[in-house]
Amino acid sequence: MTADDNLWNEALEWTTVRALLADKPDPTATALDAGCAAGAVGEWLLSRGCDVVGIDISPALVVAARQRCKTNISDPAQFLVADPEERLPVEDATFGRA
């Protein structure tokens, strides 16, 4: 059993994520995965066509998310160490529409 397989993720988090994003997102969408942990949701969002910015307060989990999604600077995903209670290290309007 992995952290991705626990009851919280399978019964609550994944059910909610899949319901909210049942249709393929706008191909220009950038999704914020706050509290990205090891990148399971980010990986799923990438597979659905989103660009992803994942943040987590744990450097070790950010490394795990990067490895899981095999990201580098040119990939459509960024995983950053950040505290969601502070200003995010991304440009303004990254997640909104102008």
Protein backbone atom coordinates (compact mmCIF):
# COMPACT_ATOMS: atom_id res chain seq x y z
CA MET A 1 0.00 0.00 0.00
CA THR A 2 1.30 3.44 -0.88
CA ALA A 3 0.29 6.89 0.32
CA ASP A 4 -1.75 7.18 -2.90
CA ASP A 5 -3.85 4.15 -1.94
CA ASN A 6 -5.10 5.22 1.47
CA LEU A 7 -8.80 5.61 2.24
CA TRP A 8 -8.66 9.41 2.32
CA ASN A 9 -7.19 9.64 -1.17
CA GLU A 10 -9.33 6.97 -2.81
CA ALA A 11 -12.68 7.63 -1.16
CA LEU A 12 -12.61 11.39 -0.71
CA GLU A 13 -9.88 13.25 -2.57
CA TRP A 14 -9.86 11.29 -5.85
CA THR A 15 -13.65 11.12 -6.02
CA THR A 16 -13.84 14.89 -5.63
CA VAL A 17 -11.04 15.66 -8.09
CA ARG A 18 -12.49 13.38 -10.76
CA ALA A 19 -15.99 14.79 -10.29
CA LEU A 20 -14.81 18.40 -10.52
CA LEU A 21 -12.68 17.74 -13.59
CA ALA A 22 -14.80 15.13 -15.38
CA ASP A 23 -14.36 16.88 -18.71
CA LYS A 24 -10.97 17.51 -20.21
CA PRO A 25 -9.86 20.92 -18.97
CA ASP A 26 -9.17 23.89 -21.19
CA PRO A 27 -5.87 23.10 -22.96
CA THR A 28 -4.53 26.47 -21.85
CA ALA A 29 -5.42 25.78 -18.20
CA THR A 30 -2.83 25.83 -15.47
CA ALA A 31 -3.91 23.90 -12.41
CA LEU A 32 -2.66 24.57 -8.90
CA ASP A 33 -2.09 21.43 -6.87
CA ALA A 34 -1.74 22.91 -3.38
CA GLY A 35 -0.35 20.35 -0.97
CA CYS A 36 0.81 18.24 -3.91
CA ALA A 37 2.55 15.64 -1.73
CA ALA A 38 4.18 13.04 -4.00
CA GLY A 39 2.41 14.29 -7.12
CA ALA A 40 -0.46 11.83 -7.68
CA VAL A 41 -3.03 14.51 -8.49
CA GLY A 42 -0.49 16.50 -10.51
CA GLU A 43 0.30 13.41 -12.56
CA TRP A 44 -3.41 12.86 -13.24
CA LEU A 45 -3.91 16.52 -14.20
CA LEU A 46 -0.95 16.32 -16.60
CA SER A 47 -2.52 13.26 -18.21
CA ARG A 48 -5.71 15.32 -18.73
CA GLY A 49 -3.85 18.05 -20.60
CA CYS A 50 -3.31 20.63 -17.87
CA ASP A 51 -0.16 22.48 -17.10
CA VAL A 52 0.45 21.99 -13.38
CA VAL A 53 2.03 23.98 -10.59
CA GLY A 54 2.30 21.82 -7.51
CA ILE A 55 3.33 23.21 -4.17
CA ASP A 56 4.12 21.51 -0.91
CA ILE A 57 5.82 22.62 2.27
CA SER A 58 7.93 19.43 2.31
CA PRO A 59 11.09 19.51 0.18
CA ALA A 60 11.20 15.69 0.15
CA LEU A 61 7.66 15.45 -1.23
CA VAL A 62 8.41 18.05 -3.89
CA VAL A 63 11.38 15.95 -5.00
CA ALA A 64 9.11 12.88 -5.09
CA ALA A 65 6.52 14.75 -7.18
CA ARG A 66 9.18 15.90 -9.64
CA GLN A 67 10.48 12.35 -9.97
CA ARG A 68 6.99 10.91 -10.36
CA CYS A 69 6.12 13.36 -13.13
CA LYS A 70 9.70 13.43 -14.52
CA THR A 71 9.66 17.21 -14.72
CA ASN A 72 12.36 19.61 -15.69
CA ILE A 73 12.29 23.32 -16.45
CA SER A 74 10.64 22.90 -19.87
CA ASP A 75 7.89 20.48 -18.81
CA PRO A 76 4.28 21.61 -18.34
CA ALA A 77 4.63 21.01 -14.60
CA GLN A 78 6.48 22.77 -11.84
CA PHE A 79 6.71 21.42 -8.32
CA LEU A 80 7.86 24.00 -5.81
CA VAL A 81 8.55 24.12 -2.11
CA ALA A 82 6.13 26.73 -0.81
CA ASP A 83 3.86 27.43 2.12
CA PRO A 84 0.26 27.81 0.85
CA GLU A 85 -0.35 30.38 3.58
CA GLU A 86 2.22 32.70 2.00
CA ARG A 87 2.45 34.38 -1.39
CA LEU A 88 3.09 31.74 -4.03
CA PRO A 89 6.32 31.93 -6.04
CA VAL A 90 4.46 32.26 -9.36
CA GLU A 91 3.45 35.18 -11.54
CA ASP A 92 0.17 36.98 -10.79
CA ALA A 93 -2.82 35.64 -12.75
CA THR A 94 -1.15 32.26 -13.36
CA PHE A 95 -4.34 30.49 -12.40
CA GLY A 96 -6.98 33.07 -13.37
CA ARG A 97 -8.19 34.51 -16.61
CA ALA A 98 -7.46 38.07 -17.59
